[in-house]
């Protein structure tokens, strides 16, 4: 096994933290740095595996920080965005021309993608009508609008619930 310099180690740790396989990382190191390394050597830099148990504390911290950022920032990945996926499906649909079977498959995917969207729109419209009814009063005409209080709770999905229970 070749001794690796610090930038290569960091590259490997970050790639593994982003859930690339050791083989994918070995191939990427060859392209990026021109170094031929074995996938087993890459696996030594994954602290979640038995082979990575002796990884330095600095690299372990980097791994777990990168993994948390990777899991928390799905919006940075275009395909995680519904608008992007629908636009890509639209392009595929237009690209298939007269192939009815492929076009039907793409339409089915688009329907699956937007499943529940109509229900969300209906719920929002019902809430809007309910608020309007409260403003106008029960009979539809009121002297003064009734104030409506709306509470919005923002939940941060990146918060580790285990840490909160210790507090």
C-alpha atoms as a PDB file:
ATOM      1  CA  UNK A   1       0.000   0.000   0.000  1.00  0.00           C
ATOM      2  CA  UNK A   2       1.242   3.413  -0.953  1.00  0.00           C
ATOM      3  CA  UNK A   3       1.669   6.107   1.690  1.00  0.00           C
ATOM      4  CA  UNK A   4      -0.828   8.839   0.973  1.00  0.00           C
ATOM      5  CA  UNK A   5      -0.381  12.565   1.447  1.00  0.00           C
ATOM      6  CA  UNK A   6      -2.829  14.549   3.568  1.00  0.00           C
ATOM      7  CA  UNK A   7      -4.871  16.060   0.675  1.00  0.00           C
ATOM      8  CA  UNK A   8      -5.466  12.579  -0.764  1.00  0.00           C
ATOM      9  CA  UNK A   9      -6.552  11.258   2.648  1.00  0.00           C
ATOM     10  CA  UNK A  10      -8.978  14.159   3.056  1.00  0.00           C
ATOM     11  CA  UNK A  11     -10.346  13.551  -0.450  1.00  0.00           C
ATOM     12  CA  UNK A  12     -10.912   9.870   0.342  1.00  0.00           C
ATOM     13  CA  UNK A  13     -12.572  10.564   3.700  1.00  0.00           C
ATOM     14  CA  UNK A  14     -14.930  13.135   2.205  1.00  0.00           C
ATOM     15  CA  UNK A  15     -15.845  10.913  -0.730  1.00  0.00           C
ATOM     16  CA  UNK A  16     -16.608   7.990   1.588  1.00  0.00           C
ATOM     17  CA  UNK A  17     -18.630  10.300   3.842  1.00  0.00           C
ATOM     18  CA  UNK A  18     -20.724  11.176   0.769  1.00  0.00           C
ATOM     19  CA  UNK A  19     -21.495   7.453   0.485  1.00  0.00           C
ATOM     20  CA  UNK A  20     -19.328   6.666  -2.500  1.00  0.00           C
ATOM     21  CA  UNK A  21     -18.129   3.062  -2.540  1.00  0.00           C
ATOM     22  CA  UNK A  22     -14.437   2.349  -1.922  1.00  0.00           C
ATOM     23  CA  UNK A  23     -14.097   1.301  -5.581  1.00  0.00           C
ATOM     24  CA  UNK A  24     -15.658   4.573  -6.765  1.00  0.00           C
ATOM     25  CA  UNK A  25     -13.269   6.482  -4.504  1.00  0.00           C
ATOM     26  CA  UNK A  26     -10.242   4.531  -5.751  1.00  0.00           C
ATOM     27  CA  UNK A  27     -11.239   5.313  -9.335  1.00  0.00           C
ATOM     28  CA  UNK A  28     -11.779   8.990  -8.473  1.00  0.00           C
ATOM     29  CA  UNK A  29      -8.357   9.210  -6.778  1.00  0.00           C
ATOM     30  CA  UNK A  30      -6.765   7.781  -9.900  1.00  0.00           C
ATOM     31  CA  UNK A  31      -8.475  10.446 -12.031  1.00  0.00           C
ATOM     32  CA  UNK A  32      -7.919  13.328  -9.611  1.00  0.00           C
ATOM     33  CA  UNK A  33      -4.392  12.612  -8.338  1.00  0.00           C
ATOM     34  CA  UNK A  34      -3.033  10.039 -10.783  1.00  0.00           C
ATOM     35  CA  UNK A  35      -2.481   7.560  -7.929  1.00  0.00           C
ATOM     36  CA  UNK A  36      -3.353   3.899  -8.302  1.00  0.00           C
ATOM     37  CA  UNK A  37      -4.746   2.686  -4.977  1.00  0.00           C
ATOM     38  CA  UNK A  38      -6.737  -0.363  -4.007  1.00  0.00           C
ATOM     39  CA  UNK A  39     -10.336  -0.164  -2.824  1.00  0.00           C
ATOM     40  CA  UNK A  40      -9.300  -1.919   0.382  1.00  0.00           C
ATOM     41  CA  UNK A  41      -6.928   0.942   1.119  1.00  0.00           C
ATOM     42  CA  UNK A  42      -9.798   3.393   0.620  1.00  0.00           C
ATOM     43  CA  UNK A  43     -11.964   1.393   3.028  1.00  0.00           C
ATOM     44  CA  UNK A  44      -9.401   2.088   5.768  1.00  0.00           C
ATOM     45  CA  UNK A  45     -10.649   5.707   5.791  1.00  0.00           C
ATOM     46  CA  UNK A  46     -14.268   4.867   6.648  1.00  0.00           C
ATOM     47  CA  UNK A  47     -14.744   4.921  10.451  1.00  0.00           C
ATOM     48  CA  UNK A  48     -18.155   3.251  10.144  1.00  0.00           C
ATOM     49  CA  UNK A  49     -16.467   0.057   8.935  1.00  0.00           C
ATOM     50  CA  UNK A  50     -14.369  -2.366  10.917  1.00  0.00           C
ATOM     51  CA  UNK A  51     -11.341  -1.677   8.709  1.00  0.00           C
ATOM     52  CA  UNK A  52     -11.514   2.048   9.579  1.00  0.00           C
ATOM     53  CA  UNK A  53     -11.454   1.659  13.352  1.00  0.00           C
ATOM     54  CA  UNK A  54      -7.885   2.986  13.603  1.00  0.00           C
ATOM     55  CA  UNK A  55      -8.567   6.187  11.658  1.00  0.00           C
ATOM     56  CA  UNK A  56      -7.125   9.321  13.267  1.00  0.00           C
ATOM     57  CA  UNK A  57      -9.438  11.487  15.348  1.00  0.00           C
ATOM     58  CA  UNK A  58      -9.007  14.420  12.947  1.00  0.00           C
ATOM     59  CA  UNK A  59     -10.148  12.351   9.969  1.00  0.00           C
ATOM     60  CA  UNK A  60     -13.022  10.810  11.950  1.00  0.00           C
ATOM     61  CA  UNK A  61     -14.287  14.289  12.835  1.00  0.00           C
ATOM     62  CA  UNK A  62     -13.991  15.316   9.176  1.00  0.00           C
ATOM     63  CA  UNK A  63     -15.859  12.172   8.089  1.00  0.00           C
ATOM     64  CA  UNK A  64     -18.803  12.667  10.452  1.00  0.00           C
ATOM     65  CA  UNK A  65     -19.041  16.412   9.769  1.00  0.00           C
ATOM     66  CA  UNK A  66     -19.014  15.783   6.002  1.00  0.00           C
ATOM     67  CA  UNK A  67     -21.601  12.990   6.382  1.00  0.00           C
ATOM     68  CA  UNK A  68     -23.926  15.271   8.392  1.00  0.00           C
ATOM     69  CA  UNK A  69     -23.576  18.058   5.808  1.00  0.00           C
ATOM     70  CA  UNK A  70     -24.197  15.589   2.995  1.00  0.00           C
ATOM     71  CA  UNK A  71     -27.353  14.224   4.604  1.00  0.00           C
ATOM     72  CA  UNK A  72     -28.620  17.671   5.557  1.00  0.00           C
ATOM     73  CA  UNK A  73     -28.110  19.367   2.203  1.00  0.00           C
ATOM     74  CA  UNK A  74     -30.212  17.299  -0.150  1.00  0.00           C
ATOM     75  CA  UNK A  75     -31.380  20.468  -1.856  1.00  0.00           C
ATOM     76  CA  UNK A  76     -27.897  20.808  -3.343  1.00  0.00           C
ATOM     77  CA  UNK A  77     -28.628  17.690  -5.389  1.00  0.00           C
ATOM     78  CA  UNK A  78     -30.715  18.684  -8.409  1.00  0.00           C
ATOM     79  CA  UNK A  79     -32.677  15.435  -8.665  1.00  0.00           C
ATOM     80  CA  UNK A  80     -33.913  15.930  -5.086  1.00  0.00           C
ATOM     81  CA  UNK A  81     -35.839  18.962  -6.340  1.00  0.00           C
ATOM     82  CA  UNK A  82     -39.340  18.138  -7.612  1.00  0.00           C
ATOM     83  CA  UNK A  83     -39.280  20.935 -10.203  1.00  0.00           C
ATOM     84  CA  UNK A  84     -36.022  19.597 -11.633  1.00  0.00           C
ATOM     85  CA  UNK A  85     -37.380  16.042 -11.845  1.00  0.00           C
ATOM     86  CA  UNK A  86     -40.564  17.171 -13.564  1.00  0.00           C
ATOM     87  CA  UNK A  87     -38.610  19.306 -16.037  1.00  0.00           C
ATOM     88  CA  UNK A  88     -36.395  16.330 -16.863  1.00  0.00           C
ATOM     89  CA  UNK A  89     -39.474  14.146 -17.348  1.00  0.00           C
ATOM     90  CA  UNK A  90     -40.896  16.811 -19.668  1.00  0.00           C
ATOM     91  CA  UNK A  91     -37.694  16.767 -21.737  1.00  0.00           C
ATOM     92  CA  UNK A  92     -37.768  12.984 -21.909  1.00  0.00           C
ATOM     93  CA  UNK A  93     -41.430  13.042 -22.917  1.00  0.00           C
ATOM     94  CA  UNK A  94     -40.742  15.482 -25.736  1.00  0.00           C
ATOM     95  CA  UNK A  95     -37.670  13.513 -26.810  1.00  0.00           C
ATOM     96  CA  UNK A  96     -39.519  10.235 -27.333  1.00  0.00           C
ATOM     97  CA  UNK A  97     -41.554  11.623 -30.195  1.00  0.00           C
ATOM     98  CA  UNK A  98     -44.025   9.028 -31.468  1.00  0.00           C
ATOM     99  CA  UNK A  99     -43.023   6.174 -29.138  1.00  0.00           C
ATOM    100  CA  UNK A 100     -46.360   5.794 -27.310  1.00  0.00           C
ATOM    101  CA  UNK A 101     -45.206   3.205 -24.808  1.00  0.00           C
ATOM    102  CA  UNK A 102     -42.244   5.260 -23.579  1.00  0.00           C
ATOM    103  CA  UNK A 103     -44.366   8.423 -23.463  1.00  0.00           C
ATOM    104  CA  UNK A 104     -47.019   6.627 -21.394  1.00  0.00           C
ATOM    105  CA  UNK A 105     -44.330   5.459 -18.973  1.00  0.00           C
ATOM    106  CA  UNK A 106     -43.065   9.013 -18.577  1.00  0.00           C
ATOM    107  CA  UNK A 107     -46.608  10.303 -18.018  1.00  0.00           C
ATOM    108  CA  UNK A 108     -47.079   7.679 -15.301  1.00  0.00           C
ATOM    109  CA  UNK A 109     -43.854   8.798 -13.628  1.00  0.00           C
ATOM    110  CA  UNK A 110     -44.994  12.418 -13.757  1.00  0.00           C
ATOM    111  CA  UNK A 111     -48.345  11.480 -12.198  1.00  0.00           C
ATOM    112  CA  UNK A 112     -46.547   9.560  -9.450  1.00  0.00           C
ATOM    113  CA  UNK A 113     -44.249  12.534  -8.909  1.00  0.00           C
ATOM    114  CA  UNK A 114     -47.154  14.928  -8.425  1.00  0.00           C
ATOM    115  CA  UNK A 115     -49.180  12.516  -6.275  1.00  0.00           C
ATOM    116  CA  UNK A 116     -50.728  14.408  -3.407  1.00  0.00           C
ATOM    117  CA  UNK A 117     -50.129  17.789  -5.024  1.00  0.00           C
ATOM    118  CA  UNK A 118     -53.841  18.246  -5.776  1.00  0.00           C
ATOM    119  CA  UNK A 119     -54.712  17.338  -2.182  1.00  0.00           C
ATOM    120  CA  UNK A 120     -52.238  19.933  -0.878  1.00  0.00           C
ATOM    121  CA  UNK A 121     -53.784  22.609  -3.097  1.00  0.00           C
ATOM    122  CA  UNK A 122     -57.281  21.648  -1.923  1.00  0.00           C
ATOM    123  CA  UNK A 123     -56.212  21.783   1.751  1.00  0.00           C
ATOM    124  CA  UNK A 124     -54.688  25.247   1.257  1.00  0.00           C
ATOM    125  CA  UNK A 125     -57.861  26.479  -0.456  1.00  0.00           C
ATOM    126  CA  UNK A 126     -60.073  25.107   2.352  1.00  0.00           C
ATOM    127  CA  UNK A 127     -57.909  26.822   4.965  1.00  0.00           C
ATOM    128  CA  UNK A 128     -58.084  30.074   3.014  1.00  0.00           C
ATOM    129  CA  UNK A 129     -61.895  29.830   2.858  1.00  0.00           C
ATOM    130  CA  UNK A 130     -62.066  29.039   6.570  1.00  0.00           C
ATOM    131  CA  UNK A 131     -59.981  32.089   7.412  1.00  0.00           C
ATOM    132  CA  UNK A 132     -62.141  34.215   5.103  1.00  0.00           C
ATOM    133  CA  UNK A 133     -65.289  32.903   6.821  1.00  0.00           C
ATOM    134  CA  UNK A 134     -63.883  33.788  10.247  1.00  0.00           C
ATOM    135  CA  UNK A 135     -62.978  37.267   9.032  1.00  0.00           C
ATOM    136  CA  UNK A 136     -66.415  37.907   7.570  1.00  0.00           C
ATOM    137  CA  UNK A 137     -68.330  36.432  10.501  1.00  0.00           C
ATOM    138  CA  UNK A 138     -70.748  33.502  10.513  1.00  0.00           C
ATOM    139  CA  UNK A 139     -73.404  35.135   8.348  1.00  0.00           C
ATOM    140  CA  UNK A 140     -70.898  36.191   5.715  1.00  0.00           C
ATOM    141  CA  UNK A 141     -71.046  39.880   6.671  1.00  0.00           C
ATOM    142  CA  UNK A 142     -69.436  41.145   9.821  1.00  0.00           C
ATOM    143  CA  UNK A 143     -68.860  44.584  11.260  1.00  0.00           C
ATOM    144  CA  UNK A 144     -65.187  44.092  11.847  1.00  0.00           C
ATOM    145  CA  UNK A 145     -62.946  41.315  10.728  1.00  0.00           C
ATOM    146  CA  UNK A 146     -62.167  38.743  13.377  1.00  0.00           C
ATOM    147  CA  UNK A 147     -58.434  38.606  14.064  1.00  0.00           C
ATOM    148  CA  UNK A 148     -56.922  35.261  13.175  1.00  0.00           C
ATOM    149  CA  UNK A 149     -53.803  33.947  14.869  1.00  0.00           C
ATOM    150  CA  UNK A 150     -51.713  31.499  12.908  1.00  0.00           C
ATOM    151  CA  UNK A 151     -48.847  29.695  14.604  1.00  0.00           C
ATOM    152  CA  UNK A 152     -46.070  28.338  12.449  1.00  0.00           C
ATOM    153  CA  UNK A 153     -43.664  25.832  13.978  1.00  0.00           C
ATOM    154  CA  UNK A 154     -40.383  25.447  12.136  1.00  0.00           C
ATOM    155  CA  UNK A 155     -38.687  22.112  12.668  1.00  0.00           C
ATOM    156  CA  UNK A 156     -35.007  21.774  11.876  1.00  0.00           C
ATOM    157  CA  UNK A 157     -34.513  18.271  10.445  1.00  0.00           C
ATOM    158  CA  UNK A 158     -30.777  18.512  11.021  1.00  0.00           C
ATOM    159  CA  UNK A 159     -31.182  18.586  14.825  1.00  0.00           C
ATOM    160  CA  UNK A 160     -30.133  15.330  16.437  1.00  0.00           C
ATOM    161  CA  UNK A 161     -32.952  14.338  18.796  1.00  0.00           C
ATOM    162  CA  UNK A 162     -30.561  12.297  20.950  1.00  0.00           C
ATOM    163  CA  UNK A 163     -28.663  15.469  21.827  1.00  0.00           C
ATOM    164  CA  UNK A 164     -31.893  17.210  22.864  1.00  0.00           C
ATOM    165  CA  UNK A 165     -32.866  14.495  25.316  1.00  0.00           C
ATOM    166  CA  UNK A 166     -29.588  14.998  27.200  1.00  0.00           C
ATOM    167  CA  UNK A 167     -30.251  18.704  27.700  1.00  0.00           C
END
